[in-house]
C-alpha cells in the first residue's frame, strides 16, 4: 500500500500504478494498492483504495472511505465520509452517496450524527443514482437514476425512486 501525500509531483508511475498530474487535483494522504489509476482532476483525501481501482475525473472521495479491489468509480461521482465499497464493484457516472439524513429537519453537523453506507461485492450502480445510508448485499444491480433509501438484503436488480426489487439475477 502506497501513500500519496504531496500534490507537487507532476506524475507518479511505478509498476503500472498511475496517478495523472497531481497538480490538477486535490489528492492528499490517500493509501492505494497496486495498479490504481486516477484520472484528474479529482478530490481525494484520507481514503483507502484497494488494488486495481480506477477513479474517473471530477470525482470526490472523502476521508474514511474504503474502496475494494478491482472497483471502478466513474466520473462526476461523490463518495462521502463513512462509505465502504466492496470488491469488483462499478459505480456509474454522477453517483452520489449521502451520509446525513437531516434528522429533525436540520443538518447533522458532525460525524457523530452521520450514518454509514456499506456496499457489498459485485455491486453495479447505474449512473446518476443516489445512495442514502444503507447496506447493500453482494451481487446487486442498481438501475440508473435510482434512489436507494432502504437496505438491500437480497441479490437482484433494483430500480426506481425509491429503488425496489425488479428481478433476481441468473446464476
N, C-alpha and C. Protein backbone atom coordinates (compact mmCIF):
# COMPACT_ATOMS: atom_id res chain seq x y z
N UNK A 1 0.86 -1.18 0.00
CA UNK A 1 0.00 0.00 0.00
C UNK A 1 0.90 1.23 0.00
N UNK A 2 0.67 2.11 -0.92
CA UNK A 2 1.45 3.34 -1.04
C UNK A 2 0.63 4.51 -0.51
N UNK A 3 1.32 5.58 -0.16
CA UNK A 3 0.64 6.78 0.34
C UNK A 3 1.02 7.95 -0.54
N UNK A 4 0.03 8.65 -1.08
CA UNK A 4 0.28 9.88 -1.86
C UNK A 4 0.03 11.05 -0.93
N UNK A 5 1.07 11.84 -0.65
CA UNK A 5 0.94 12.92 0.31
C UNK A 5 1.03 14.30 -0.32
N UNK A 6 1.75 14.42 -1.40
CA UNK A 6 2.04 15.74 -1.92
C UNK A 6 1.42 15.93 -3.29
N UNK A 7 0.96 17.14 -3.57
CA UNK A 7 0.47 17.41 -4.90
C UNK A 7 1.50 18.20 -5.71
N UNK A 8 2.76 18.16 -5.29
CA UNK A 8 3.82 18.87 -6.01
C UNK A 8 4.47 17.99 -7.07
N UNK A 9 4.21 16.70 -7.07
CA UNK A 9 4.78 15.78 -8.04
C UNK A 9 3.93 15.84 -9.30
N UNK A 10 4.57 15.93 -10.46
CA UNK A 10 3.82 16.02 -11.71
C UNK A 10 3.12 14.70 -12.03
N UNK A 11 3.84 13.57 -11.96
CA UNK A 11 3.24 12.26 -12.23
C UNK A 11 3.88 11.22 -11.33
N UNK A 12 3.10 10.24 -10.97
CA UNK A 12 3.62 9.07 -10.28
C UNK A 12 3.36 7.90 -11.21
N UNK A 13 4.37 7.15 -11.54
CA UNK A 13 4.20 6.00 -12.41
C UNK A 13 5.16 4.92 -11.95
N UNK A 14 4.69 3.97 -11.17
CA UNK A 14 5.53 2.92 -10.63
C UNK A 14 4.85 1.58 -10.90
N UNK A 15 5.48 0.73 -11.68
CA UNK A 15 4.96 -0.61 -11.94
C UNK A 15 3.47 -0.60 -12.29
N UNK A 16 3.10 0.07 -13.32
CA UNK A 16 1.71 0.14 -13.79
C UNK A 16 0.77 0.91 -12.87
N UNK A 17 1.29 1.54 -11.83
CA UNK A 17 0.47 2.40 -10.99
C UNK A 17 0.51 3.78 -11.61
N UNK A 18 -0.60 4.46 -11.66
CA UNK A 18 -0.63 5.70 -12.41
C UNK A 18 -1.59 6.68 -11.76
N UNK A 19 -1.05 7.80 -11.36
CA UNK A 19 -1.88 8.91 -10.89
C UNK A 19 -1.51 10.08 -11.79
N UNK A 20 -2.45 10.54 -12.56
CA UNK A 20 -2.20 11.54 -13.59
C UNK A 20 -2.19 12.94 -13.01
N UNK A 21 -1.09 13.64 -13.15
CA UNK A 21 -0.97 15.07 -12.90
C UNK A 21 -1.55 15.53 -11.56
N UNK A 22 -0.81 15.30 -10.50
CA UNK A 22 -1.27 15.68 -9.16
C UNK A 22 -1.44 17.19 -9.00
N UNK A 23 -0.84 17.99 -9.88
CA UNK A 23 -1.01 19.44 -9.79
C UNK A 23 -2.43 19.88 -10.10
N UNK A 24 -3.16 19.11 -10.89
CA UNK A 24 -4.53 19.47 -11.25
C UNK A 24 -5.55 18.74 -10.40
N UNK A 25 -5.18 18.39 -9.22
CA UNK A 25 -6.10 17.67 -8.36
C UNK A 25 -5.85 18.05 -6.91
N UNK A 26 -6.70 17.57 -6.06
CA UNK A 26 -6.52 17.73 -4.63
C UNK A 26 -6.47 16.32 -4.06
N UNK A 27 -5.31 15.72 -4.13
CA UNK A 27 -5.10 14.38 -3.60
C UNK A 27 -4.16 14.51 -2.41
N UNK A 28 -4.64 14.06 -1.25
CA UNK A 28 -3.76 14.14 -0.09
C UNK A 28 -4.01 12.99 0.86
N UNK A 29 -2.93 12.46 1.34
CA UNK A 29 -2.93 11.41 2.36
C UNK A 29 -3.86 10.25 2.02
N UNK A 30 -3.78 9.76 0.78
CA UNK A 30 -4.54 8.57 0.44
C UNK A 30 -3.63 7.36 0.49
N UNK A 31 -4.20 6.20 0.77
CA UNK A 31 -3.48 4.94 0.69
C UNK A 31 -4.06 4.20 -0.51
N UNK A 32 -3.18 3.63 -1.33
CA UNK A 32 -3.67 2.94 -2.51
C UNK A 32 -2.84 1.71 -2.80
N UNK A 33 -3.49 0.70 -3.37
CA UNK A 33 -2.83 -0.55 -3.69
C UNK A 33 -2.17 -0.54 -5.05
N UNK A 34 -1.88 -1.70 -5.57
CA UNK A 34 -1.19 -1.86 -6.84
C UNK A 34 -2.13 -1.53 -8.01
N UNK A 35 -1.55 -1.00 -9.07
CA UNK A 35 -2.23 -0.78 -10.34
C UNK A 35 -3.45 0.13 -10.25
N UNK A 36 -3.44 1.08 -9.37
CA UNK A 36 -4.53 2.06 -9.30
C UNK A 36 -4.36 3.09 -10.40
N UNK A 37 -5.48 3.55 -10.93
CA UNK A 37 -5.43 4.60 -11.95
C UNK A 37 -6.42 5.69 -11.55
N UNK A 38 -5.91 6.90 -11.43
CA UNK A 38 -6.72 8.06 -11.04
C UNK A 38 -6.60 9.09 -12.15
N UNK A 39 -7.73 9.48 -12.72
CA UNK A 39 -7.74 10.47 -13.79
C UNK A 39 -8.19 11.80 -13.20
N UNK A 40 -7.39 12.82 -13.41
CA UNK A 40 -7.67 14.12 -12.81
C UNK A 40 -8.46 15.02 -13.74
N UNK A 41 -9.07 16.05 -13.20
CA UNK A 41 -8.98 16.49 -11.81
C UNK A 41 -9.86 15.64 -10.89
N UNK A 42 -9.37 15.47 -9.68
CA UNK A 42 -10.11 14.74 -8.64
C UNK A 42 -9.91 15.43 -7.30
N UNK A 43 -10.70 15.02 -6.34
CA UNK A 43 -10.56 15.49 -4.97
C UNK A 43 -10.65 14.26 -4.09
N UNK A 44 -9.51 13.74 -3.69
CA UNK A 44 -9.43 12.54 -2.85
C UNK A 44 -8.61 12.87 -1.62
N UNK A 45 -9.12 12.54 -0.47
CA UNK A 45 -8.33 12.78 0.73
C UNK A 45 -8.66 11.77 1.81
N UNK A 46 -7.57 11.28 2.43
CA UNK A 46 -7.64 10.39 3.58
C UNK A 46 -8.57 9.21 3.35
N UNK A 47 -8.53 8.64 2.13
CA UNK A 47 -9.32 7.46 1.80
C UNK A 47 -8.37 6.31 1.48
N UNK A 48 -8.92 5.12 1.36
CA UNK A 48 -8.12 3.93 1.06
C UNK A 48 -8.67 3.28 -0.20
N UNK A 49 -7.78 3.05 -1.16
CA UNK A 49 -8.14 2.40 -2.42
C UNK A 49 -7.41 1.07 -2.49
N UNK A 50 -8.12 0.00 -2.78
CA UNK A 50 -7.50 -1.32 -2.92
C UNK A 50 -6.72 -1.44 -4.21
N UNK A 51 -6.36 -2.65 -4.58
CA UNK A 51 -5.62 -2.92 -5.81
C UNK A 51 -6.54 -2.77 -7.03
N UNK A 52 -5.96 -2.31 -8.14
CA UNK A 52 -6.66 -2.24 -9.42
C UNK A 52 -7.91 -1.37 -9.39
N UNK A 53 -7.89 -0.31 -8.62
CA UNK A 53 -9.03 0.61 -8.54
C UNK A 53 -8.87 1.69 -9.60
N UNK A 54 -9.96 2.04 -10.25
CA UNK A 54 -9.98 3.11 -11.23
C UNK A 54 -10.86 4.23 -10.69
N UNK A 55 -10.35 5.46 -10.72
CA UNK A 55 -11.12 6.64 -10.30
C UNK A 55 -11.18 7.59 -11.49
N UNK A 56 -12.39 7.88 -11.96
CA UNK A 56 -12.58 8.78 -13.10
C UNK A 56 -12.44 10.24 -12.69
N UNK A 57 -12.38 11.14 -13.68
CA UNK A 57 -12.20 12.56 -13.40
C UNK A 57 -13.43 13.19 -12.74
N UNK A 58 -13.21 14.33 -12.13
CA UNK A 58 -14.26 15.11 -11.48
C UNK A 58 -14.98 14.30 -10.40
N UNK A 59 -14.21 13.50 -9.69
CA UNK A 59 -14.75 12.65 -8.63
C UNK A 59 -14.22 13.14 -7.30
N UNK A 60 -15.09 13.11 -6.27
CA UNK A 60 -14.64 13.42 -4.92
C UNK A 60 -14.85 12.20 -4.05
N UNK A 61 -13.78 11.83 -3.34
CA UNK A 61 -13.85 10.75 -2.36
C UNK A 61 -13.29 11.30 -1.06
N UNK A 62 -14.13 11.33 -0.03
CA UNK A 62 -13.76 11.95 1.24
C UNK A 62 -13.06 10.97 2.17
N UNK A 63 -12.64 11.50 3.32
CA UNK A 63 -11.91 10.68 4.28
C UNK A 63 -12.81 9.58 4.84
N UNK A 64 -12.15 8.56 5.38
CA UNK A 64 -12.83 7.41 5.98
C UNK A 64 -13.67 6.64 4.98
N UNK A 65 -13.27 6.66 3.71
CA UNK A 65 -13.91 5.85 2.67
C UNK A 65 -12.95 4.74 2.29
N UNK A 66 -13.49 3.54 2.10
CA UNK A 66 -12.69 2.41 1.63
C UNK A 66 -13.29 1.91 0.32
N UNK A 67 -12.44 1.76 -0.70
CA UNK A 67 -12.84 1.23 -2.00
C UNK A 67 -12.10 -0.09 -2.20
N UNK A 68 -12.83 -1.18 -2.40
CA UNK A 68 -12.24 -2.51 -2.53
C UNK A 68 -11.55 -2.76 -3.85
N UNK A 69 -10.81 -3.85 -3.92
CA UNK A 69 -10.04 -4.24 -5.10
C UNK A 69 -10.93 -4.34 -6.34
N UNK A 70 -10.34 -4.00 -7.48
CA UNK A 70 -10.98 -4.17 -8.79
C UNK A 70 -12.30 -3.43 -8.93
N UNK A 71 -12.40 -2.29 -8.30
CA UNK A 71 -13.62 -1.47 -8.36
C UNK A 71 -13.36 -0.26 -9.24
N UNK A 72 -14.39 0.13 -9.99
CA UNK A 72 -14.29 1.29 -10.89
C UNK A 72 -15.29 2.34 -10.45
N UNK A 73 -14.78 3.56 -10.24
CA UNK A 73 -15.61 4.71 -9.90
C UNK A 73 -15.60 5.63 -11.12
N UNK A 74 -16.74 5.83 -11.75
CA UNK A 74 -16.82 6.66 -12.96
C UNK A 74 -16.81 8.14 -12.61
N UNK A 75 -16.69 8.96 -13.64
CA UNK A 75 -16.55 10.40 -13.46
C UNK A 75 -17.74 11.05 -12.76
N UNK A 76 -17.49 12.20 -12.18
CA UNK A 76 -18.51 13.06 -11.57
C UNK A 76 -19.24 12.41 -10.38
N UNK A 77 -18.64 11.42 -9.76
CA UNK A 77 -19.27 10.77 -8.61
C UNK A 77 -18.80 11.42 -7.31
N UNK A 78 -19.64 11.32 -6.29
CA UNK A 78 -19.34 11.88 -4.97
C UNK A 78 -19.52 10.78 -3.94
N UNK A 79 -18.43 10.46 -3.23
CA UNK A 79 -18.48 9.43 -2.20
C UNK A 79 -18.09 10.09 -0.89
N UNK A 80 -19.08 10.26 -0.04
CA UNK A 80 -18.86 10.98 1.22
C UNK A 80 -18.26 10.08 2.29
N UNK A 81 -17.90 10.71 3.36
CA UNK A 81 -17.32 10.02 4.50
C UNK A 81 -18.23 8.89 4.99
N UNK A 82 -17.63 7.83 5.51
CA UNK A 82 -18.32 6.68 6.11
C UNK A 82 -18.91 5.71 5.09
N UNK A 83 -18.35 5.70 3.87
CA UNK A 83 -18.81 4.75 2.84
C UNK A 83 -17.74 3.68 2.65
N UNK A 84 -18.18 2.43 2.58
CA UNK A 84 -17.31 1.31 2.25
C UNK A 84 -17.89 0.64 1.01
N UNK A 85 -17.06 0.46 0.00
CA UNK A 85 -17.47 -0.18 -1.24
C UNK A 85 -16.62 -1.44 -1.40
N UNK A 86 -17.28 -2.56 -1.67
CA UNK A 86 -16.60 -3.85 -1.75
C UNK A 86 -15.77 -4.04 -3.01
N UNK A 87 -15.42 -5.30 -3.25
CA UNK A 87 -14.59 -5.68 -4.39
C UNK A 87 -15.43 -5.86 -5.65
N UNK A 88 -14.80 -5.64 -6.80
CA UNK A 88 -15.41 -5.86 -8.12
C UNK A 88 -16.73 -5.11 -8.29
N UNK A 89 -16.75 -3.88 -7.84
CA UNK A 89 -17.95 -3.04 -7.98
C UNK A 89 -17.77 -2.05 -9.12
N UNK A 90 -18.88 -1.54 -9.61
CA UNK A 90 -18.88 -0.49 -10.62
C UNK A 90 -19.81 0.61 -10.15
N UNK A 91 -19.29 1.83 -10.09
CA UNK A 91 -20.08 2.99 -9.71
C UNK A 91 -20.18 3.86 -10.95
N UNK A 92 -21.39 4.05 -11.48
CA UNK A 92 -21.59 4.80 -12.72
C UNK A 92 -21.33 6.29 -12.57
N UNK A 93 -21.44 6.99 -13.68
CA UNK A 93 -21.21 8.44 -13.71
C UNK A 93 -22.23 9.18 -12.84
N UNK A 94 -21.76 10.15 -12.09
CA UNK A 94 -22.65 11.02 -11.33
C UNK A 94 -23.38 10.38 -10.17
N UNK A 95 -22.86 9.27 -9.65
CA UNK A 95 -23.49 8.64 -8.49
C UNK A 95 -23.14 9.45 -7.24
N UNK A 96 -24.14 9.66 -6.38
CA UNK A 96 -23.96 10.46 -5.18
C UNK A 96 -24.31 9.63 -3.94
N UNK A 97 -23.37 9.54 -3.02
CA UNK A 97 -23.60 8.89 -1.74
C UNK A 97 -23.88 9.97 -0.70
N UNK A 98 -24.79 9.69 0.22
CA UNK A 98 -25.23 10.65 1.23
C UNK A 98 -25.01 10.02 2.60
N UNK A 99 -24.54 10.80 3.58
CA UNK A 99 -24.37 10.26 4.94
C UNK A 99 -25.21 11.00 5.98
N UNK A 100 -25.89 12.05 5.58
CA UNK A 100 -26.69 12.86 6.52
C UNK A 100 -28.15 12.83 6.07
N UNK A 101 -29.01 12.28 6.90
CA UNK A 101 -30.44 12.19 6.58
C UNK A 101 -31.23 13.41 7.05
N UNK A 102 -30.57 14.43 7.55
CA UNK A 102 -31.21 15.65 8.04
C UNK A 102 -32.30 15.33 9.07
N UNK A 103 -31.96 14.49 10.02
CA UNK A 103 -32.91 14.12 11.08
C UNK A 103 -33.37 15.37 11.82
N UNK A 104 -34.63 15.42 12.09
CA UNK A 104 -35.20 16.56 12.79
C UNK A 104 -35.26 17.81 11.92
N UNK A 105 -35.08 17.63 10.60
CA UNK A 105 -35.17 18.76 9.69
C UNK A 105 -33.99 19.70 9.69
N UNK A 106 -32.82 19.21 10.19
CA UNK A 106 -31.65 20.07 10.20
C UNK A 106 -30.40 19.26 9.88
N UNK A 107 -29.32 19.98 9.53
CA UNK A 107 -28.05 19.34 9.22
C UNK A 107 -27.54 18.55 10.42
N UNK A 108 -26.91 17.41 10.12
CA UNK A 108 -26.33 16.60 11.19
C UNK A 108 -25.19 17.30 11.89
N UNK A 109 -24.41 18.07 11.14
CA UNK A 109 -23.37 18.90 11.72
C UNK A 109 -22.06 18.23 12.03
N UNK A 110 -22.06 16.99 12.47
CA UNK A 110 -20.80 16.32 12.79
C UNK A 110 -20.92 14.84 12.48
N UNK A 111 -19.77 14.20 12.40
CA UNK A 111 -19.72 12.78 12.07
C UNK A 111 -20.53 11.93 13.05
N UNK A 112 -20.68 12.37 14.27
CA UNK A 112 -21.46 11.63 15.26
C UNK A 112 -22.92 11.49 14.84
N UNK A 113 -23.41 12.39 14.00
CA UNK A 113 -24.81 12.36 13.56
C UNK A 113 -24.99 11.77 12.16
N UNK A 114 -23.90 11.39 11.51
CA UNK A 114 -23.98 10.83 10.17
C UNK A 114 -24.11 9.32 10.25
N UNK A 115 -24.51 8.71 9.15
CA UNK A 115 -24.70 7.26 9.12
C UNK A 115 -23.82 6.63 8.05
N UNK A 116 -23.49 5.35 8.25
CA UNK A 116 -22.60 4.61 7.35
C UNK A 116 -23.36 4.01 6.18
N UNK A 117 -22.63 3.82 5.09
CA UNK A 117 -23.12 3.07 3.93
C UNK A 117 -22.13 1.95 3.65
N UNK A 118 -22.65 0.74 3.48
CA UNK A 118 -21.82 -0.41 3.15
C UNK A 118 -22.33 -1.04 1.87
N UNK A 119 -21.46 -1.11 0.87
CA UNK A 119 -21.79 -1.72 -0.41
C UNK A 119 -21.03 -3.03 -0.49
N UNK A 120 -21.73 -4.12 -0.77
CA UNK A 120 -21.10 -5.44 -0.85
C UNK A 120 -20.21 -5.59 -2.07
N UNK A 121 -19.84 -6.82 -2.36
CA UNK A 121 -19.01 -7.14 -3.52
C UNK A 121 -19.88 -7.36 -4.75
N UNK A 122 -19.32 -7.12 -5.92
CA UNK A 122 -20.02 -7.34 -7.19
C UNK A 122 -21.32 -6.54 -7.27
N UNK A 123 -21.27 -5.30 -6.88
CA UNK A 123 -22.44 -4.41 -6.95
C UNK A 123 -22.22 -3.41 -8.08
N UNK A 124 -23.22 -3.28 -8.95
CA UNK A 124 -23.17 -2.34 -10.06
C UNK A 124 -24.20 -1.26 -9.81
N UNK A 125 -23.77 -0.01 -9.78
CA UNK A 125 -24.68 1.11 -9.51
C UNK A 125 -24.72 1.99 -10.75
N UNK A 126 -25.90 2.12 -11.35
CA UNK A 126 -26.07 2.88 -12.58
C UNK A 126 -25.88 4.37 -12.38
N UNK A 127 -25.59 5.04 -13.47
CA UNK A 127 -25.33 6.48 -13.46
C UNK A 127 -26.46 7.28 -12.83
N UNK A 128 -26.06 8.36 -12.17
CA UNK A 128 -26.98 9.33 -11.56
C UNK A 128 -27.87 8.75 -10.47
N UNK A 129 -27.44 7.67 -9.86
CA UNK A 129 -28.18 7.13 -8.71
C UNK A 129 -27.75 7.86 -7.44
N UNK A 130 -28.64 7.84 -6.46
CA UNK A 130 -28.35 8.42 -5.15
C UNK A 130 -28.47 7.31 -4.12
N UNK A 131 -27.46 7.18 -3.29
CA UNK A 131 -27.42 6.11 -2.29
C UNK A 131 -27.41 6.76 -0.91
N UNK A 132 -28.53 6.61 -0.18
CA UNK A 132 -28.60 7.10 1.19
C UNK A 132 -27.86 6.12 2.11
N UNK A 133 -27.72 6.42 3.39
CA UNK A 133 -27.02 5.50 4.30
C UNK A 133 -27.77 4.16 4.39
N UNK A 134 -27.22 3.15 3.73
CA UNK A 134 -27.85 1.83 3.66
C UNK A 134 -26.76 0.76 3.63
N UNK A 135 -27.21 -0.48 3.72
CA UNK A 135 -26.35 -1.64 3.48
C UNK A 135 -26.89 -2.33 2.23
N UNK A 136 -26.00 -2.61 1.29
CA UNK A 136 -26.38 -3.32 0.08
C UNK A 136 -25.56 -4.61 0.04
N UNK A 137 -26.24 -5.75 -0.08
CA UNK A 137 -25.56 -7.04 -0.06
C UNK A 137 -24.79 -7.27 -1.36
N UNK A 138 -24.11 -8.40 -1.46
CA UNK A 138 -23.35 -8.76 -2.67
C UNK A 138 -24.29 -9.03 -3.84
N UNK A 139 -23.75 -8.88 -5.06
CA UNK A 139 -24.43 -9.27 -6.30
C UNK A 139 -25.75 -8.54 -6.51
N UNK A 140 -25.65 -7.23 -6.59
CA UNK A 140 -26.82 -6.38 -6.79
C UNK A 140 -26.56 -5.44 -7.95
N UNK A 141 -27.60 -5.18 -8.74
CA UNK A 141 -27.54 -4.16 -9.79
C UNK A 141 -28.56 -3.09 -9.44
N UNK A 142 -28.11 -1.84 -9.42
CA UNK A 142 -28.99 -0.69 -9.18
C UNK A 142 -29.15 0.04 -10.50
N UNK A 143 -30.38 0.19 -10.98
CA UNK A 143 -30.63 0.86 -12.25
C UNK A 143 -30.29 2.34 -12.20
N UNK A 144 -29.95 2.89 -13.36
CA UNK A 144 -29.60 4.31 -13.46
C UNK A 144 -30.71 5.19 -12.93
N UNK A 145 -30.32 6.26 -12.24
CA UNK A 145 -31.28 7.22 -11.72
C UNK A 145 -32.04 6.78 -10.49
N UNK A 146 -31.69 5.65 -9.93
CA UNK A 146 -32.41 5.14 -8.75
C UNK A 146 -32.02 5.88 -7.49
N UNK A 147 -32.92 5.85 -6.51
CA UNK A 147 -32.65 6.41 -5.19
C UNK A 147 -32.82 5.27 -4.19
N UNK A 148 -31.71 4.84 -3.60
CA UNK A 148 -31.73 3.73 -2.65
C UNK A 148 -31.90 4.30 -1.26
N UNK A 149 -33.07 4.02 -0.65
CA UNK A 149 -33.41 4.59 0.65
C UNK A 149 -33.43 3.56 1.77
N UNK A 150 -33.42 2.27 1.39
CA UNK A 150 -33.51 1.19 2.39
C UNK A 150 -32.46 0.13 2.10
N UNK A 151 -32.13 -0.65 3.14
CA UNK A 151 -31.17 -1.74 2.99
C UNK A 151 -31.63 -2.71 1.91
N UNK A 152 -30.68 -3.25 1.18
CA UNK A 152 -30.95 -4.30 0.19
C UNK A 152 -30.29 -5.56 0.70
N UNK A 153 -31.11 -6.56 1.03
CA UNK A 153 -30.62 -7.78 1.67
C UNK A 153 -30.64 -8.99 0.75
N UNK A 154 -31.21 -8.83 -0.46
CA UNK A 154 -31.36 -9.93 -1.40
C UNK A 154 -30.73 -9.55 -2.74
N UNK A 155 -29.89 -10.42 -3.28
CA UNK A 155 -29.27 -10.17 -4.58
C UNK A 155 -30.34 -9.98 -5.63
N UNK A 156 -30.07 -9.14 -6.63
CA UNK A 156 -31.03 -8.93 -7.70
C UNK A 156 -30.87 -7.56 -8.33
N UNK A 157 -31.86 -7.22 -9.16
CA UNK A 157 -31.89 -5.94 -9.85
C UNK A 157 -32.90 -5.04 -9.16
N UNK A 158 -32.50 -3.81 -8.87
CA UNK A 158 -33.35 -2.83 -8.19
C UNK A 158 -33.35 -1.55 -9.01
N UNK A 159 -34.47 -0.85 -9.03
CA UNK A 159 -34.53 0.42 -9.77
C UNK A 159 -35.70 1.24 -9.25
N UNK A 160 -35.64 2.54 -9.52
CA UNK A 160 -36.74 3.44 -9.20
C UNK A 160 -36.43 4.39 -8.08
N UNK A 161 -37.45 5.22 -7.76
CA UNK A 161 -37.37 6.19 -6.66
C UNK A 161 -38.63 6.06 -5.83
N UNK A 162 -38.53 5.37 -4.70
CA UNK A 162 -37.36 4.69 -4.15
C UNK A 162 -37.08 3.38 -4.90
N UNK A 163 -35.84 2.91 -4.85
CA UNK A 163 -35.45 1.68 -5.53
C UNK A 163 -36.21 0.49 -4.96
N UNK A 164 -36.74 -0.33 -5.87
CA UNK A 164 -37.48 -1.53 -5.48
C UNK A 164 -36.95 -2.72 -6.26
N UNK A 165 -37.17 -3.90 -5.70
CA UNK A 165 -36.74 -5.15 -6.34
C UNK A 165 -37.48 -5.33 -7.66
N UNK A 166 -36.73 -5.58 -8.73
CA UNK A 166 -37.31 -5.79 -10.06
C UNK A 166 -37.29 -7.28 -10.42
N UNK A 167 -36.11 -7.91 -10.27
CA UNK A 167 -35.99 -9.33 -10.58
C UNK A 167 -34.70 -9.87 -10.00
N UNK A 168 -34.64 -11.19 -9.90
CA UNK A 168 -33.42 -11.85 -9.44
C UNK A 168 -32.37 -11.89 -10.53
N UNK A 169 -31.18 -12.29 -10.15
CA UNK A 169 -30.09 -12.44 -11.11
C UNK A 169 -29.92 -13.91 -11.46
N UNK A 170 -29.61 -14.18 -12.72
CA UNK A 170 -29.36 -15.55 -13.16
C UNK A 170 -27.99 -15.96 -12.66
N UNK A 171 -27.90 -17.19 -12.17
CA UNK A 171 -26.61 -17.67 -11.66
C UNK A 171 -25.92 -18.58 -12.64
